[in-house]
Amino acid sequence: MLASELLSLSCGFIAEMCNWIDSFFNELVVLSGVMKEEAWQLVLACIKKFFEDFLAVRSPAANASSDKDASAKCAKYLWAVLQVHDIMKEYREKRFRGHLSIAPVVNFHVFQTRVTKVAFEELSAKMTALASKFSNFDSLQGRVSKLEKK
C-alpha cells in the first residue's frame, strides 16, 4: 500500500515536472526571446538542481546495503525515500520555479549570459559608427547613380 502510494506520487511528480519543463522552455523562448540552446541550458540547470536536492537527502542511505540489520537497512531506505518525497512536494507546491533552490540557478544563469554595460556601450558606439558610414555610403551611391544617368 505504501509503496503504491509513493510510486503514484513519484509518477505525478514526473508528469508535473515534464509539464513545467515544457512551459518554462516555451516561456523562455517565446516571451523572453532567448535562443533555444540558451533556454535549454537554463532548464537543464534547474533539472540538475532538482536531482541534487534529492541526492542530498538520499545520501545517508547510500551505504545502507552494507548494514547487517535488515530492519535498519529498510528504515534507512524508507527514510531517504520519504525525505525525497517531502522535497518533491515542496517543488510541486512552489510550482518548481518558485522553489528556493531554483532562484540561485536562475540568477547564476542571468549573470553568465548577461551583457556588461561596458560591452554594450562599446557595441553601441560601433553600431553608431557603422550607421554613419552607411549613411555616407547611401549618399555616395545616390551621387554615383546620378552621374551614371548623365
Protein backbone atom coordinates (compact mmCIF):
# COMPACT_ATOMS: atom_id res chain seq x y z
CA MET A 1 0.00 0.00 0.00
CA LEU A 2 2.76 2.47 0.98
CA ALA A 3 4.89 1.51 -2.00
CA SER A 4 1.96 2.00 -4.39
CA GLU A 5 1.22 5.42 -2.92
CA LEU A 6 4.86 6.51 -3.16
CA LEU A 7 5.03 5.25 -6.75
CA SER A 8 1.87 7.16 -7.62
CA LEU A 9 3.27 10.34 -6.06
CA SER A 10 6.54 9.88 -7.96
CA CYS A 11 4.71 9.43 -11.27
CA GLY A 12 2.64 12.54 -10.53
CA PHE A 13 5.80 14.48 -9.77
CA ILE A 14 7.47 13.39 -13.02
CA ALA A 15 4.36 14.28 -15.06
CA GLU A 16 4.13 17.70 -13.42
CA MET A 17 7.86 18.30 -13.84
CA CYS A 18 7.61 17.44 -17.56
CA ASN A 19 4.75 19.92 -17.94
CA TRP A 20 6.80 22.55 -16.12
CA ILE A 21 9.79 21.87 -18.39
CA ASP A 22 7.65 22.43 -21.49
CA SER A 23 6.01 25.58 -20.20
CA PHE A 24 9.22 27.08 -18.79
CA PHE A 25 11.10 26.37 -22.02
CA ASN A 26 8.32 27.94 -24.10
CA GLU A 27 8.17 30.94 -21.79
CA LEU A 28 11.89 31.49 -22.17
CA VAL A 29 11.83 31.17 -25.96
CA VAL A 30 8.57 32.96 -26.75
CA LEU A 31 8.30 35.63 -24.07
CA SER A 32 11.96 36.25 -23.28
CA GLY A 33 13.18 35.83 -26.83
CA VAL A 34 16.22 33.74 -25.95
CA MET A 35 17.66 31.18 -28.33
CA LYS A 36 16.53 27.59 -27.82
CA GLU A 37 20.03 26.49 -26.83
CA GLU A 38 20.19 29.07 -24.05
CA ALA A 39 16.69 28.17 -22.87
CA TRP A 40 17.69 24.51 -22.66
CA GLN A 41 20.80 25.43 -20.68
CA LEU A 42 18.67 27.08 -18.01
CA VAL A 43 16.01 24.37 -17.99
CA LEU A 44 18.64 21.65 -17.66
CA ALA A 45 20.42 23.56 -14.88
CA CYS A 46 17.11 23.65 -12.98
CA ILE A 47 16.55 19.92 -13.51
CA LYS A 48 20.09 19.24 -12.31
CA LYS A 49 19.30 21.22 -9.16
CA PHE A 50 16.15 19.13 -8.53
CA PHE A 51 18.20 15.96 -8.55
CA GLU A 52 21.00 17.48 -6.47
CA ASP A 53 18.39 18.29 -3.81
CA PHE A 54 17.14 14.70 -3.96
CA LEU A 55 20.68 13.35 -3.69
CA ALA A 56 21.38 15.46 -0.60
CA VAL A 57 18.59 13.77 1.37
CA ARG A 58 19.14 10.31 -0.11
CA SER A 59 22.86 10.19 0.61
CA PRO A 60 22.51 8.98 4.23
CA ALA A 61 21.06 5.73 2.83
CA ALA A 62 23.87 5.30 0.30
CA ASN A 63 25.71 2.74 2.41
CA ALA A 64 22.62 1.06 3.82
CA SER A 65 23.25 -2.06 1.74
CA SER A 66 26.25 -2.88 3.92
CA ASP A 67 24.10 -2.77 7.08
CA LYS A 68 23.75 -6.26 8.59
CA ASP A 69 20.44 -5.50 10.29
CA ALA A 70 17.64 -5.84 7.70
CA SER A 71 15.30 -3.61 9.72
CA ALA A 72 17.90 -0.85 9.97
CA LYS A 73 18.64 -1.15 6.26
CA CYS A 74 14.95 -0.92 5.38
CA ALA A 75 14.47 2.03 7.75
CA LYS A 76 17.34 3.96 6.13
CA TYR A 77 15.96 3.37 2.65
CA LEU A 78 12.43 4.28 3.67
CA TRP A 79 13.58 7.43 5.49
CA ALA A 80 15.54 8.57 2.42
CA VAL A 81 12.58 7.91 0.11
CA LEU A 82 10.24 9.86 2.39
CA GLN A 83 12.69 12.77 2.54
CA VAL A 84 12.79 12.89 -1.27
CA HIS A 85 9.00 12.88 -1.34
CA ASP A 86 8.98 15.87 1.02
CA ILE A 87 11.23 17.76 -1.41
CA MET A 88 9.09 16.71 -4.38
CA LYS A 89 6.05 18.03 -2.52
CA GLU A 90 7.82 21.36 -1.91
CA TYR A 91 8.70 21.67 -5.59
CA ARG A 92 5.13 20.92 -6.64
CA GLU A 93 3.66 23.36 -4.11
CA LYS A 94 6.01 26.10 -5.34
CA ARG A 95 5.32 25.15 -8.96
CA PHE A 96 9.01 24.28 -9.39
CA ARG A 97 10.20 27.72 -10.41
CA GLY A 98 9.19 29.30 -7.10
CA HIS A 99 11.24 26.86 -5.02
CA LEU A 100 14.07 28.48 -3.09
CA SER A 101 16.66 26.20 -4.72
CA ILE A 102 15.85 27.47 -8.20
CA ALA A 103 16.39 31.21 -7.66
CA PRO A 104 20.19 30.88 -7.39
CA VAL A 105 20.22 28.75 -10.56
CA VAL A 106 18.32 31.41 -12.49
CA ASN A 107 20.44 34.22 -11.04
CA PHE A 108 23.66 32.42 -11.97
CA HIS A 109 22.37 31.86 -15.50
CA VAL A 110 21.50 35.55 -15.85
CA PHE A 111 24.94 36.50 -14.57
CA GLN A 112 26.65 34.13 -17.02
CA THR A 113 24.67 35.27 -20.06
CA ARG A 114 24.36 38.97 -19.40
CA VAL A 115 25.96 41.69 -21.48
CA THR A 116 28.07 44.05 -19.38
CA LYS A 117 27.42 47.77 -19.56
CA VAL A 118 30.92 48.36 -20.95
CA ALA A 119 30.44 45.77 -23.69
CA PHE A 120 27.03 47.22 -24.54
CA GLU A 121 28.42 50.74 -24.78
CA GLU A 122 31.31 49.56 -26.98
CA LEU A 123 28.95 47.74 -29.32
CA SER A 124 26.59 50.70 -29.35
CA ALA A 125 29.43 53.03 -30.35
CA LYS A 126 30.49 50.64 -33.13
CA MET A 127 26.91 50.45 -34.39
CA THR A 128 26.64 54.24 -34.40
CA ALA A 129 29.89 54.48 -36.38
CA LEU A 130 28.67 51.86 -38.85
CA ALA A 131 25.35 53.65 -39.24
CA SER A 132 27.10 56.91 -40.12
CA LYS A 133 29.32 55.09 -42.64
CA PHE A 134 26.27 53.52 -44.23
CA SER A 135 24.50 56.87 -44.44
CA ASN A 136 27.60 58.25 -46.18
CA PHE A 137 27.60 55.20 -48.44
CA ASP A 138 23.93 55.74 -49.31
CA SER A 139 24.55 59.36 -50.25
CA LEU A 140 27.57 58.37 -52.34
CA GLN A 141 25.56 55.67 -54.06
CA GLY A 142 22.91 58.24 -54.90
CA ARG A 143 25.53 60.58 -56.37
CA VAL A 144 27.02 57.74 -58.44
CA SER A 145 23.58 56.88 -59.77
CA LYS A 146 23.05 60.49 -60.83
CA LEU A 147 26.43 60.53 -62.59
CA GLU A 148 25.66 57.27 -64.39
CA LYS A 149 22.43 58.77 -65.76
CA LYS A 150 24.34 61.61 -67.40
